[in-house]
Amino acid sequence: MQTQNPIFEQMAKAMTEAAGAADGVRREAETVMKSQLQRLLADSDLVQREEFEAVQEMAAKARAENEELRARLEALEAKLAG
C-alpha cells in the first residue's frame, strides 16, 4: 500500500520549484533596482557627506577669520579717526 499520493508529491515539488524561482526573481529585481539607484545617484550632481562637511568646516573658519579681520579693521579705523 502506498502511503503518499504521487499527485500531492508533484504539487509539492512544483510549489517548491515555484518558490525557488520567485526568490530568484526577487533577488534579480533587487540587483537591478540597486544598480539603477546607484547609476541615478552617480549621474546626479550630489555631494558626498565627507566633501560637504569639509566645505562646511572651511566656511566656518572663513567666517571666524572674517569676523576677526572686521574687528581689527574697526579698531584701526577708530584709531585713525580718534
Protein backbone atom coordinates (compact mmCIF):
# COMPACT_ATOMS: atom_id res chain seq x y z
CA MET A 1 0.00 0.00 0.00
CA GLN A 2 1.26 3.42 -0.94
CA THR A 3 1.34 6.00 1.88
CA GLN A 4 1.86 9.14 -0.24
CA ASN A 5 -0.16 10.31 -3.19
CA PRO A 6 2.02 11.00 -6.26
CA ILE A 7 -0.20 13.94 -7.24
CA PHE A 8 0.47 15.63 -3.90
CA GLU A 9 4.17 14.91 -4.26
CA GLN A 10 4.23 16.51 -7.70
CA MET A 11 2.25 19.50 -6.44
CA ALA A 12 4.63 19.93 -3.51
CA LYS A 13 7.62 19.67 -5.85
CA ALA A 14 6.07 22.23 -8.22
CA MET A 15 5.35 24.61 -5.32
CA THR A 16 8.94 24.27 -4.07
CA GLU A 17 10.30 24.99 -7.53
CA ALA A 18 7.93 27.95 -7.93
CA ALA A 19 9.05 29.36 -4.57
CA GLY A 20 12.69 28.98 -5.62
CA ALA A 21 12.01 30.69 -8.94
CA ALA A 22 10.15 33.52 -7.19
CA ASP A 23 13.08 34.00 -4.83
CA GLY A 24 15.46 34.14 -7.79
CA VAL A 25 13.27 36.75 -9.49
CA ARG A 26 13.17 38.76 -6.26
CA ARG A 27 16.96 38.72 -5.96
CA GLU A 28 17.36 39.70 -9.62
CA ALA A 29 14.88 42.56 -9.20
CA GLU A 30 16.76 43.78 -6.12
CA THR A 31 20.05 43.70 -8.03
CA VAL A 32 18.58 45.63 -10.95
CA MET A 33 16.94 48.21 -8.66
CA LYS A 34 20.16 48.66 -6.69
CA SER A 35 22.25 49.17 -9.82
CA GLN A 36 19.69 51.62 -11.25
CA LEU A 37 19.68 53.60 -8.00
CA GLN A 38 23.48 53.68 -7.91
CA ARG A 39 23.57 54.91 -11.51
CA LEU A 40 20.94 57.57 -10.75
CA LEU A 41 22.93 58.80 -7.76
CA ALA A 42 26.17 58.77 -9.72
CA ASP A 43 24.59 60.77 -12.55
CA SER A 44 23.07 63.28 -10.13
CA ASP A 45 25.09 66.30 -9.13
CA LEU A 46 25.19 65.33 -5.46
CA VAL A 47 27.96 65.97 -2.98
CA GLN A 48 29.24 63.26 -0.70
CA ARG A 49 28.83 63.85 3.02
CA GLU A 50 32.60 64.00 3.63
CA GLU A 51 33.02 66.71 1.00
CA PHE A 52 30.07 68.66 2.38
CA GLU A 53 31.42 68.52 5.92
CA ALA A 54 34.89 69.61 4.75
CA VAL A 55 33.46 72.63 2.92
CA GLN A 56 31.23 73.41 5.88
CA GLU A 57 34.27 73.42 8.15
CA MET A 58 36.18 75.66 5.74
CA ALA A 59 33.25 78.08 5.64
CA ALA A 60 33.11 78.22 9.43
CA LYS A 61 36.83 79.00 9.59
CA ALA A 62 36.44 81.69 6.92
CA ARG A 63 33.55 83.29 8.83
CA ALA A 64 35.59 83.33 12.03
CA GLU A 65 38.55 84.85 10.22
CA ASN A 66 36.26 87.41 8.60
CA GLU A 67 34.89 88.44 12.00
CA GLU A 68 38.42 88.76 13.38
CA LEU A 69 39.51 90.90 10.43
CA ARG A 70 36.39 93.05 10.76
CA ALA A 71 37.18 93.71 14.41
CA ARG A 72 40.79 94.62 13.56
CA LEU A 73 39.64 96.93 10.77
CA GLU A 74 37.14 98.65 13.05
CA ALA A 75 39.86 99.10 15.67
CA LEU A 76 42.25 100.61 13.08
CA GLU A 77 39.53 102.92 11.73
CA ALA A 78 38.69 104.07 15.24
CA LYS A 79 42.38 104.67 15.94
CA LEU A 80 42.76 106.72 12.74
CA ALA A 81 39.59 108.73 13.40
CA GLY A 82 40.36 109.26 17.01
